[in-house]
Amino acid sequence: MHDKKLYGTATVGTKGQVVIPAEAREIIGIEPGDRLYVVGSKQGKWVGLIQEEQLRSIIEQLSDNIEVYKDVLHTQK
């Protein structure tokens, strides 16, 4: 079962601010004061948000397994 959902639209205001739809904030668990990192691609013309704790978790997983990744890359040469 997939966990993707379109929550609606958001309009960019004159100050560049975007309001995240309430349903998305509720389901994803975004609270006032949460830090969100903005990621995107100039060429792909997309933008996304990731919660600070999610980004921290991803970085921890990558750094915990760095030696495994190095070994994989080394064996592919």
Protein backbone atom coordinates (compact mmCIF):
# COMPACT_ATOMS: atom_id res chain seq x y z
CA MET A 1 0.00 0.00 0.00
CA HIS A 2 1.40 3.41 -0.87
CA ASP A 3 1.59 6.32 1.54
CA LYS A 4 1.53 9.19 -0.96
CA LYS A 5 -1.26 11.72 -0.93
CA LEU A 6 -2.03 15.02 -2.60
CA TYR A 7 -3.15 17.36 0.18
CA GLY A 8 -4.28 20.22 -2.00
CA THR A 9 -2.65 23.39 -3.20
CA ALA A 10 -0.75 26.23 -1.58
CA THR A 11 -0.24 29.72 -2.92
CA VAL A 12 3.04 31.58 -2.56
CA GLY A 13 2.40 34.98 -0.99
CA THR A 14 4.20 38.24 -1.78
CA LYS A 15 6.75 37.52 0.98
CA GLY A 16 7.45 34.03 -0.41
CA GLN A 17 5.48 32.34 2.35
CA VAL A 18 3.47 29.18 1.76
CA VAL A 19 0.76 27.79 4.01
CA ILE A 20 0.89 24.00 4.32
CA PRO A 21 -2.65 22.60 4.24
CA ALA A 22 -4.01 21.74 7.71
CA GLU A 23 -4.66 18.09 6.83
CA ALA A 24 -1.05 17.65 5.74
CA ARG A 25 0.27 19.31 8.90
CA GLU A 26 -1.95 17.11 11.05
CA ILE A 27 -1.16 13.79 9.36
CA ILE A 28 2.57 14.47 8.97
CA GLY A 29 2.83 15.91 12.46
CA ILE A 30 4.07 19.40 11.63
CA GLU A 31 3.70 21.71 14.62
CA PRO A 32 4.21 25.47 14.97
CA GLY A 33 7.92 26.13 15.50
CA ASP A 34 9.08 22.96 13.70
CA ARG A 35 12.09 23.46 11.44
CA LEU A 36 11.56 22.34 7.85
CA TYR A 37 14.40 22.15 5.35
CA VAL A 38 13.59 23.22 1.81
CA VAL A 39 15.04 20.98 -0.91
CA GLY A 40 14.64 21.11 -4.64
CA SER A 41 16.11 21.17 -8.10
CA LYS A 42 16.55 24.10 -10.47
CA GLN A 43 16.49 21.84 -13.52
CA GLY A 44 13.65 19.64 -12.36
CA LYS A 45 11.74 22.66 -11.09
CA TRP A 46 10.48 20.97 -7.96
CA VAL A 47 10.60 21.88 -4.30
CA GLY A 48 9.95 19.83 -1.19
CA LEU A 49 10.09 20.11 2.57
CA ILE A 50 11.63 17.72 5.08
CA GLN A 51 11.31 17.92 8.84
CA GLU A 52 14.56 18.49 10.70
CA GLU A 53 14.22 15.24 12.67
CA GLN A 54 13.66 13.24 9.45
CA LEU A 55 16.75 14.79 7.87
CA ARG A 56 18.76 14.09 11.03
CA SER A 57 17.63 10.45 10.94
CA ILE A 58 18.63 10.06 7.29
CA ILE A 59 22.07 11.55 7.97
CA GLU A 60 22.57 9.27 10.98
CA GLN A 61 21.65 6.19 8.93
CA LEU A 62 24.02 7.21 6.13
CA SER A 63 26.88 7.98 8.49
CA ASP A 64 26.34 4.77 10.49
CA ASN A 65 26.73 2.77 7.28
CA ILE A 66 29.46 4.81 5.58
CA GLU A 67 31.97 1.95 5.62
CA VAL A 68 29.46 -0.36 3.94
CA TYR A 69 28.85 2.24 1.22
CA LYS A 70 32.60 2.70 0.72
CA ASP A 71 33.06 -1.07 0.34
CA VAL A 72 30.23 -1.29 -2.21
CA LEU A 73 31.67 1.58 -4.24
CA HIS A 74 35.16 0.11 -4.05
CA THR A 75 34.04 -3.32 -5.30
CA GLN A 76 32.21 -1.76 -8.27
CA LYS A 77 35.40 -0.22 -9.70
